[in-house]
Structures are given as C-alpha cells and as structure tokens.
Amino acid sequence: MLLAIQYFIGFCVLVKGVLSQSCTYTSGDYKLSLSSVTVESYYDGSTFTYYWTPCADGYSCGTNGNVMAGQKNNNGNCNKLAGWDTTGQASYDSTTETWTIKYANGATYKISAVTNPSGSCEYDFTVAGTAFCNTKKGGDSDGGSGGGSDELSGGWVFIIILLVVLFLYCTIGCVYNKVKVNPESSWVSPGNIPHATFWRTVPKWTWAGCCVTKKWIQSKVGSKDSAHQPITSDA
C-alpha cells in the first residue's frame, strides 16, 4: 500500500457532536463526518491528476466507471486506484489528531489535522490503495494496473544478457571458422565450434579442480582432528 495523494481540504472534524448518518465514522467517543466533501483533485505538476471522493464512487473514470479514487494522465486515460464500499473501519488517534480509515478492498486513507494555523479547520489527506504504483509521491508512471512492478529483477537481466552473449559468441565463432578456417567443412561440423579444443578440456579440468579442492579440505579437517587428540603417556 503506497503513498499517492496528499493535499488539504477545508472541513471540520466534529468531536462528540450530533452528526448525519451519511458518511459518518465513529471511533470510541469520536465521530467524523465527510458528507460535505465532494470530488477533490490534485495535480502532480507534470503528468497525473488524482481525483478522490470519500463518501461514494463519485468520480467517473472512463471505462472503469465510477470510482472513489482515480488517476488521469495528460492524455485523458484514467486508472482506477480505489473503490468505495461499506466496509470502512475508522480509528482515531487523539494524540496526533489523525483518523485512519481502512477498507476491505485495500484502500486506506488518513486524515491529519493541520496545526498551523490553529483552528483553521484544514486537514491533510493521505490516500493509498493496493493499485498504486511504487513511485514517488504523486506518481511517475501510469500505474493503476496492479500493486506489483513489471520491471525485471537484476537476476533475470543478468541471465538474459548471458544468453545473448553466448548466442553471439557461438554464432559469430561458427561463421568465422566456416569461412576463414574450414571453408570445405559443413556448417554443422564440430570443427567450426569456436575454441572447440578448450571446451573439450573444460569438463576434465573442472573434475580435476574439484578433486584437488576435496583433498585440500580433507587435509585441513584431518590436521584439525589430529590436533585435538588426547595426549597419553606410557606408564
């Protein structure tokens, strides 16, 4: 779950008040009403505009239909980031004056009071959802298609590079040997394999290296065991 939107909205958190049942959350003796908040938007300054409505799927997000939170790029393409449902569970931290509301579908948002200026009735919203991309605040990629990343890991990149290099080595080597060294041979002749003599000796030298390493380890283990033998004296 990743940070995506952060902006200020002017509305009040009413504590221990009589509130409308519409879009009202309760945590202990505290209640929060968001019914007066309509669709809000935030532009990241470069690529994306984020839209959010806290009390319903109130924003039309193209082919995704109405959503609670959406991300639209400069081309007008909209991604669904979070949908509203009735499973919202709210908790209030009176020490930090922060509400946290979580949904079963993975969406979460926090509402923190802005202390400067005091009593401004202004709150800082941080909205997150499982569909947000792992990018910097505001988003730097198209996101919205899922919580994972489509980038290849370093291990796969290494394997791909290794296979490409091996393919080029074999192809270029075979062509060179066929054209320059063995022009009378067929393309599938073993003599056209680049550095064929070296590769034929690799298994033998690999086995020899393993045997030498094994004997060296055994000698070290044996010397350590002999060093711990009990000292006996003849009577």
Protein backbone atom coordinates (compact mmCIF):
# COMPACT_ATOMS: atom_id res chain seq x y z
CA MET A 1 0.00 0.00 0.00
CA LEU A 2 1.71 3.09 -1.22
CA LEU A 3 1.51 6.82 -0.66
CA ALA A 4 -0.17 8.54 -3.55
CA ILE A 5 -2.08 11.75 -2.81
CA GLN A 6 -1.62 14.44 -0.24
CA TYR A 7 -3.46 17.75 -0.13
CA PHE A 8 -5.52 19.98 2.10
CA ILE A 9 -9.28 20.11 2.31
CA GLY A 10 -11.18 22.63 4.39
CA PHE A 11 -13.74 20.86 6.51
CA CYS A 12 -14.22 20.19 10.20
CA VAL A 13 -13.92 17.05 12.29
CA LEU A 14 -16.75 17.27 14.79
CA VAL A 15 -16.00 15.63 18.12
CA LYS A 16 -18.82 14.20 20.21
CA GLY A 17 -21.36 16.01 18.06
CA VAL A 18 -24.71 15.03 16.59
CA LEU A 19 -23.94 14.10 13.00
CA SER A 20 -25.76 12.89 9.94
CA GLN A 21 -25.59 9.14 9.41
CA SER A 22 -24.36 9.72 5.85
CA CYS A 23 -20.60 9.06 5.51
CA THR A 24 -20.03 9.19 9.25
CA TYR A 25 -17.37 7.21 11.07
CA THR A 26 -17.14 6.50 14.79
CA SER A 27 -14.11 5.63 16.93
CA GLY A 28 -14.86 5.45 20.63
CA ASP A 29 -16.31 8.81 21.68
CA TYR A 30 -15.17 10.49 18.47
CA LYS A 31 -17.08 10.87 15.22
CA LEU A 32 -16.04 12.03 11.78
CA SER A 33 -18.37 13.29 9.05
CA LEU A 34 -17.16 13.53 5.45
CA SER A 35 -20.57 14.07 3.88
CA SER A 36 -19.77 17.67 2.91
CA VAL A 37 -16.64 16.73 0.93
CA THR A 38 -17.22 16.38 -2.81
CA VAL A 39 -14.78 15.32 -5.54
CA GLU A 40 -11.33 16.76 -4.86
CA SER A 41 -8.39 16.79 -7.27
CA TYR A 42 -4.62 17.05 -7.06
CA TYR A 43 -2.22 17.65 -9.98
CA ASP A 44 1.35 16.41 -9.51
CA GLY A 45 2.73 19.20 -11.69
CA SER A 46 3.89 17.04 -14.58
CA THR A 47 1.83 14.03 -15.66
CA PHE A 48 -1.07 12.96 -13.46
CA THR A 49 -4.17 14.40 -11.87
CA TYR A 50 -5.65 12.47 -8.95
CA TYR A 51 -9.36 12.57 -8.12
CA TRP A 52 -10.89 11.46 -4.86
CA THR A 53 -14.34 11.45 -3.28
CA PRO A 54 -14.58 9.99 0.24
CA CYS A 55 -18.23 9.03 0.52
CA ALA A 56 -19.00 7.13 -2.65
CA ASP A 57 -17.75 6.07 -6.05
CA GLY A 58 -18.35 9.63 -7.15
CA TYR A 59 -15.76 10.19 -9.87
CA SER A 60 -16.28 8.97 -13.45
CA CYS A 61 -13.06 7.22 -14.52
CA GLY A 62 -13.61 6.40 -18.19
CA THR A 63 -14.09 2.71 -18.91
CA ASN A 64 -13.58 1.92 -15.20
CA GLY A 65 -16.92 3.53 -14.37
CA ASN A 66 -17.36 5.47 -11.15
CA VAL A 67 -14.56 5.16 -8.58
CA MET A 68 -13.61 6.59 -5.21
CA ALA A 69 -10.04 7.40 -6.30
CA GLY A 70 -8.76 7.73 -9.86
CA GLN A 71 -5.58 8.70 -11.67
CA LYS A 72 -5.78 10.51 -15.04
CA ASN A 73 -2.76 11.25 -17.23
CA ASN A 74 -2.31 14.15 -19.61
CA ASN A 75 -3.78 12.07 -22.46
CA GLY A 76 -7.05 11.67 -20.61
CA ASN A 77 -6.58 7.98 -19.78
CA CYS A 78 -7.94 7.15 -16.33
CA ASN A 79 -6.87 4.33 -13.99
CA LYS A 80 -8.94 3.13 -11.06
CA LEU A 81 -6.97 3.36 -7.82
CA ALA A 82 -9.60 2.56 -5.20
CA GLY A 83 -13.28 1.88 -4.94
CA TRP A 84 -15.63 2.80 -2.13
CA ASP A 85 -17.59 0.23 -0.14
CA THR A 86 -19.40 -0.06 3.18
CA THR A 87 -16.58 -1.92 4.96
CA GLY A 88 -14.70 1.22 6.03
CA GLN A 89 -13.30 0.83 9.53
CA ALA A 90 -12.18 4.05 11.22
CA SER A 91 -9.84 4.64 14.14
CA TYR A 92 -8.88 7.95 15.75
CA ASP A 93 -5.61 8.85 17.48
CA SER A 94 -6.38 11.81 19.74
CA THR A 95 -2.70 12.48 20.47
CA THR A 96 -1.91 13.18 16.81
CA GLU A 97 -5.47 14.12 15.80
CA THR A 98 -5.32 11.58 12.98
CA TRP A 99 -8.08 9.43 11.56
CA THR A 100 -7.25 6.23 9.70
CA ILE A 101 -9.95 4.59 7.55
CA LYS A 102 -9.36 1.17 6.01
CA TYR A 103 -11.46 -0.75 3.52
CA ALA A 104 -11.63 -4.47 2.82
CA ASN A 105 -10.76 -3.81 -0.84
CA GLY A 106 -7.34 -2.49 0.17
CA ALA A 107 -7.93 1.26 0.08
CA THR A 108 -6.75 3.31 3.04
CA TYR A 109 -6.65 7.00 3.82
CA LYS A 110 -5.50 9.06 6.75
CA ILE A 111 -6.76 12.47 7.82
CA SER A 112 -4.45 14.61 9.96
CA ALA A 113 -5.24 17.99 11.48
CA VAL A 114 -3.16 20.92 10.29
CA THR A 115 -1.94 22.70 13.42
CA ASN A 116 -0.72 25.83 11.66
CA PRO A 117 -2.72 27.98 11.65
CA SER A 118 -4.51 26.67 14.72
CA GLY A 119 -8.23 26.18 14.36
CA SER A 120 -8.12 26.57 10.56
CA CYS A 121 -10.39 23.55 10.13
CA GLU A 122 -7.93 22.33 7.49
CA TYR A 123 -6.89 18.71 7.18
CA ASP A 124 -4.15 16.83 5.40
CA PHE A 125 -5.43 13.80 3.45
CA THR A 126 -3.14 10.90 2.55
CA VAL A 127 -4.87 8.40 0.25
CA ALA A 128 -3.45 4.97 -0.59
CA GLY A 129 -4.61 1.82 -2.33
CA THR A 130 -3.33 -1.55 -3.50
CA ALA A 131 -3.44 -0.38 -7.12
CA PHE A 132 -0.96 2.45 -6.64
CA CYS A 133 2.42 2.12 -8.31
CA ASN A 134 5.64 2.03 -6.34
CA THR A 135 6.66 5.50 -7.41
CA LYS A 136 7.46 8.82 -5.83
CA LYS A 137 4.67 10.88 -4.28
CA GLY A 138 2.23 11.92 -6.96
CA GLY A 139 3.21 9.05 -9.28
CA ASP A 140 5.77 8.97 -12.05
CA SER A 141 4.29 6.18 -14.16
CA ASP A 142 0.93 5.14 -15.49
CA GLY A 143 0.15 2.88 -12.53
CA GLY A 144 -3.26 1.66 -11.52
CA SER A 145 -3.00 -1.74 -13.15
CA GLY A 146 -1.95 -3.56 -10.01
CA GLY A 147 0.18 -3.47 -6.90
CA GLY A 148 3.25 -5.20 -8.36
CA SER A 149 6.04 -4.00 -10.55
CA ASP A 150 6.56 -5.08 -14.17
CA GLU A 151 10.29 -4.46 -14.09
CA LEU A 152 12.71 -7.38 -14.43
CA SER A 153 14.85 -8.27 -11.46
CA GLY A 154 18.63 -7.98 -11.63
CA GLY A 155 18.98 -11.77 -11.81
CA TRP A 156 16.78 -12.05 -14.90
CA VAL A 157 18.61 -9.18 -16.58
CA PHE A 158 21.92 -10.97 -15.97
CA ILE A 159 20.57 -14.26 -17.37
CA ILE A 160 19.19 -12.56 -20.48
CA ILE A 161 22.49 -10.76 -21.12
CA LEU A 162 24.42 -14.01 -20.59
CA LEU A 163 22.23 -15.91 -23.08
CA VAL A 164 22.55 -13.14 -25.67
CA VAL A 165 26.35 -13.06 -25.31
CA LEU A 166 26.51 -16.88 -25.56
CA PHE A 167 24.36 -16.86 -28.68
CA LEU A 168 26.51 -14.19 -30.37
CA TYR A 169 29.70 -15.99 -29.35
CA CYS A 170 28.58 -19.29 -30.86
CA THR A 171 27.08 -17.75 -34.00
CA ILE A 172 29.97 -15.43 -34.85
CA GLY A 173 32.55 -18.09 -33.96
CA CYS A 174 30.93 -20.74 -36.15
CA VAL A 175 30.61 -18.36 -39.10
CA TYR A 176 34.25 -17.26 -38.79
CA ASN A 177 35.58 -20.83 -38.58
CA LYS A 178 33.43 -21.92 -41.52
CA VAL A 179 34.50 -19.02 -43.74
CA LYS A 180 38.14 -18.50 -42.71
CA VAL A 181 39.41 -21.71 -41.09
CA ASN A 182 37.43 -24.65 -42.51
CA PRO A 183 35.79 -23.45 -45.74
CA GLU A 184 35.40 -27.02 -47.00
CA SER A 185 33.56 -28.26 -43.93
CA SER A 186 29.81 -28.29 -43.38
CA TRP A 187 28.10 -25.73 -41.18
CA VAL A 188 27.36 -28.35 -38.50
CA SER A 189 30.90 -29.67 -38.36
CA PRO A 190 32.28 -29.91 -34.77
CA GLY A 191 35.43 -28.23 -36.02
CA ASN A 192 33.51 -25.00 -36.52
CA ILE A 193 32.70 -24.65 -32.83
CA PRO A 194 34.68 -21.65 -31.52
CA HIS A 195 37.57 -22.73 -29.28
CA ALA A 196 36.45 -26.34 -29.58
CA THR A 197 39.68 -27.72 -28.06
CA PHE A 198 39.29 -25.53 -24.98
CA TRP A 199 35.66 -26.51 -24.40
CA ARG A 200 36.50 -30.22 -24.76
CA THR A 201 39.02 -29.92 -21.92
CA VAL A 202 36.75 -27.93 -19.59
CA PRO A 203 35.00 -30.99 -18.05
CA LYS A 204 38.35 -32.71 -17.38
CA TRP A 205 39.91 -29.66 -15.72
CA THR A 206 36.73 -28.96 -13.77
CA TRP A 207 36.79 -32.51 -12.38
CA ALA A 208 40.48 -32.19 -11.54
CA GLY A 209 39.85 -28.93 -9.72
CA CYS A 210 37.04 -30.49 -7.67
CA CYS A 211 39.28 -33.42 -6.69
CA VAL A 212 42.13 -31.12 -5.62
CA THR A 213 39.74 -28.97 -3.59
CA LYS A 214 38.26 -32.05 -1.92
CA LYS A 215 41.70 -33.36 -0.93
CA TRP A 216 42.72 -29.95 0.40
CA ILE A 217 39.62 -29.74 2.59
CA GLN A 218 40.13 -33.30 3.84
CA SER A 219 43.73 -32.49 4.74
CA LYS A 220 42.66 -29.42 6.72
CA VAL A 221 39.94 -31.33 8.55
CA GLY A 222 42.33 -34.19 9.27
CA SER A 223 45.01 -31.90 10.68
CA LYS A 224 42.44 -30.20 12.91
CA ASP A 225 41.23 -33.56 14.26
CA SER A 226 44.78 -34.71 14.97
CA ALA A 227 45.48 -31.52 16.88
CA HIS A 228 42.71 -32.40 19.33
CA GLN A 229 43.81 -35.98 20.01
CA PRO A 230 44.26 -36.66 23.76
CA ILE A 231 47.85 -36.84 24.99
CA THR A 232 48.71 -40.18 26.54
CA SER A 233 51.83 -41.18 28.42
CA ASP A 234 53.36 -44.58 28.81
CA ALA A 235 53.16 -45.95 32.33
